[in-house]
Protein backbone atom coordinates (compact mmCIF):
# COMPACT_ATOMS: atom_id res chain seq x y z
CA GLN A 1 39.11 -12.19 -27.69
CA VAL A 2 38.67 -14.03 -30.97
CA GLN A 3 37.82 -17.68 -30.64
CA LEU A 4 37.00 -20.39 -33.14
CA VAL A 5 35.87 -23.82 -32.02
CA GLU A 6 35.35 -26.74 -34.38
CA SER A 7 33.23 -29.79 -33.69
CA GLY A 8 31.69 -32.74 -35.47
CA GLY A 9 34.75 -34.77 -36.32
CA GLY A 10 34.74 -38.51 -35.94
CA TYR A 11 35.20 -41.90 -37.48
CA VAL A 12 33.46 -42.81 -40.74
CA GLN A 13 33.68 -45.48 -43.38
CA ALA A 14 34.77 -44.61 -46.90
CA GLY A 15 31.86 -43.24 -48.88
CA GLU A 16 30.05 -41.85 -45.85
CA SER A 17 29.30 -38.24 -44.99
CA LEU A 18 30.15 -35.95 -42.10
CA THR A 19 29.31 -32.37 -41.22
CA LEU A 20 31.74 -30.23 -39.28
CA SER A 21 30.81 -27.04 -37.44
CA CYS A 22 32.82 -24.03 -36.37
CA THR A 23 31.48 -21.43 -33.98
CA GLY A 24 33.20 -18.08 -33.73
CA SER A 25 33.20 -15.26 -31.21
CA GLY A 26 35.02 -12.03 -30.52
CA PHE A 27 34.80 -10.60 -34.03
CA ARG A 28 32.25 -9.31 -36.52
CA PHE A 29 31.20 -12.76 -37.65
CA SER A 30 28.76 -11.75 -40.38
CA SER A 31 31.32 -9.67 -42.26
CA ASN A 32 34.27 -12.06 -42.09
CA VAL A 33 35.47 -14.55 -44.65
CA LEU A 34 35.66 -17.97 -43.03
CA TYR A 35 38.04 -20.66 -44.21
CA TRP A 36 38.26 -24.40 -43.73
CA TYR A 37 41.68 -26.06 -43.80
CA ARG A 38 42.83 -29.59 -43.20
CA GLN A 39 46.05 -31.36 -42.34
CA GLY A 40 46.49 -35.03 -43.00
CA PRO A 41 49.07 -37.25 -41.28
CA GLY A 42 52.52 -36.26 -42.49
CA LYS A 43 51.10 -33.62 -44.80
CA GLU A 44 51.11 -29.85 -44.85
CA ARG A 45 48.01 -27.91 -43.94
CA GLU A 46 45.93 -27.18 -47.04
CA ARG A 47 42.93 -25.02 -47.68
CA VAL A 48 39.65 -26.82 -48.27
CA GLY A 49 37.56 -23.79 -49.09
CA LEU A 50 36.12 -20.49 -47.98
CA MET A 51 32.90 -18.54 -47.78
CA ASN A 52 32.46 -14.78 -47.68
CA GLY A 53 30.53 -12.94 -45.00
CA ASP A 54 27.05 -13.03 -46.45
CA GLY A 55 27.43 -16.49 -47.93
CA SER A 56 27.12 -15.33 -51.51
CA ASN A 57 30.51 -16.60 -52.62
CA THR A 58 32.35 -19.83 -51.97
CA LYS A 59 35.54 -21.28 -53.31
CA TYR A 60 36.86 -24.81 -53.01
CA ALA A 61 40.13 -26.61 -53.57
CA ASP A 62 40.32 -28.81 -56.63
CA PHE A 63 40.41 -31.97 -54.56
CA VAL A 64 36.92 -31.22 -53.24
CA ASN A 65 35.54 -32.09 -56.67
CA GLY A 66 31.95 -31.29 -55.70
CA ARG A 67 31.93 -33.50 -52.59
CA PHE A 68 32.07 -30.79 -49.91
CA THR A 69 29.81 -27.82 -49.24
CA ILE A 70 30.52 -24.84 -47.01
CA SER A 71 27.64 -22.94 -45.48
CA ARG A 72 27.14 -20.51 -42.62
CA ASP A 73 24.46 -19.31 -40.25
CA ASN A 74 25.45 -15.83 -39.14
CA ALA A 75 22.70 -15.69 -36.53
CA LYS A 76 24.31 -18.71 -34.86
CA ARG A 77 27.83 -17.46 -35.58
CA THR A 78 28.55 -20.85 -37.09
CA THR A 79 30.00 -22.13 -40.33
CA TYR A 80 29.59 -25.68 -41.57
CA LEU A 81 31.57 -28.02 -43.76
CA HIS A 82 29.36 -30.79 -45.12
CA MET A 83 31.48 -33.56 -46.57
CA THR A 84 30.18 -36.43 -48.67
CA ASP A 85 31.83 -39.48 -50.22
CA LEU A 86 34.70 -39.28 -47.77
CA GLN A 87 37.82 -41.21 -48.70
CA PRO A 88 40.85 -42.26 -46.64
CA GLU A 89 42.84 -39.41 -48.17
CA ASP A 90 40.36 -36.96 -46.60
CA ALA A 91 41.40 -38.03 -43.11
CA GLY A 92 43.10 -35.48 -40.91
CA VAL A 93 42.49 -32.58 -38.61
CA TYR A 94 40.11 -29.97 -39.96
CA TYR A 95 40.53 -26.36 -38.91
CA CYS A 96 38.44 -23.24 -39.09
CA HIS A 97 40.30 -20.00 -39.82
CA THR A 98 39.59 -16.31 -40.09
CA LYS A 99 41.41 -13.00 -40.00
CA TRP A 100 40.48 -10.06 -37.81
CA VAL A 101 42.14 -6.65 -37.74
CA GLY A 102 45.08 -8.08 -39.62
CA PHE A 103 45.69 -11.10 -37.41
CA PRO A 104 45.03 -14.74 -38.29
CA TYR A 105 43.03 -16.94 -35.93
CA TRP A 106 42.64 -20.70 -35.89
CA GLY A 107 40.50 -23.12 -34.00
CA PRO A 108 42.04 -26.14 -32.26
CA GLY A 109 40.75 -28.44 -34.99
CA THR A 110 38.55 -31.52 -35.12
CA GLN A 111 39.80 -34.89 -36.29
CA VAL A 112 38.27 -36.87 -39.12
CA ILE A 113 39.17 -40.53 -39.50
CA VAL A 114 38.11 -42.38 -42.63
CA SER A 115 38.34 -46.13 -42.75
CA SER A 116 38.61 -48.02 -45.99
């Protein structure tokens, strides 16, 4: 059974940093592309970025603008989203996502609140 569980969300002031974690199980973690998505209040879910299985390739959405970094520790079956210079528009629920044998899987999400 594939499971993804995010953690690390919380309340921060604008300009502060936060690191989110996502731990996965039930699939070949080290070979899977892992994605981070977010959904702000009243907005559609959008992709933040992704990292391939061995961590050699990452891609980010334009809005990241160098502020976020995705990493992963395959031994811990965990991927991280380190976010700096957070702004109110970054607030929302952040999700971890992967695909396994053709099916998409999502974690329940972790909420990020950014106060101005």
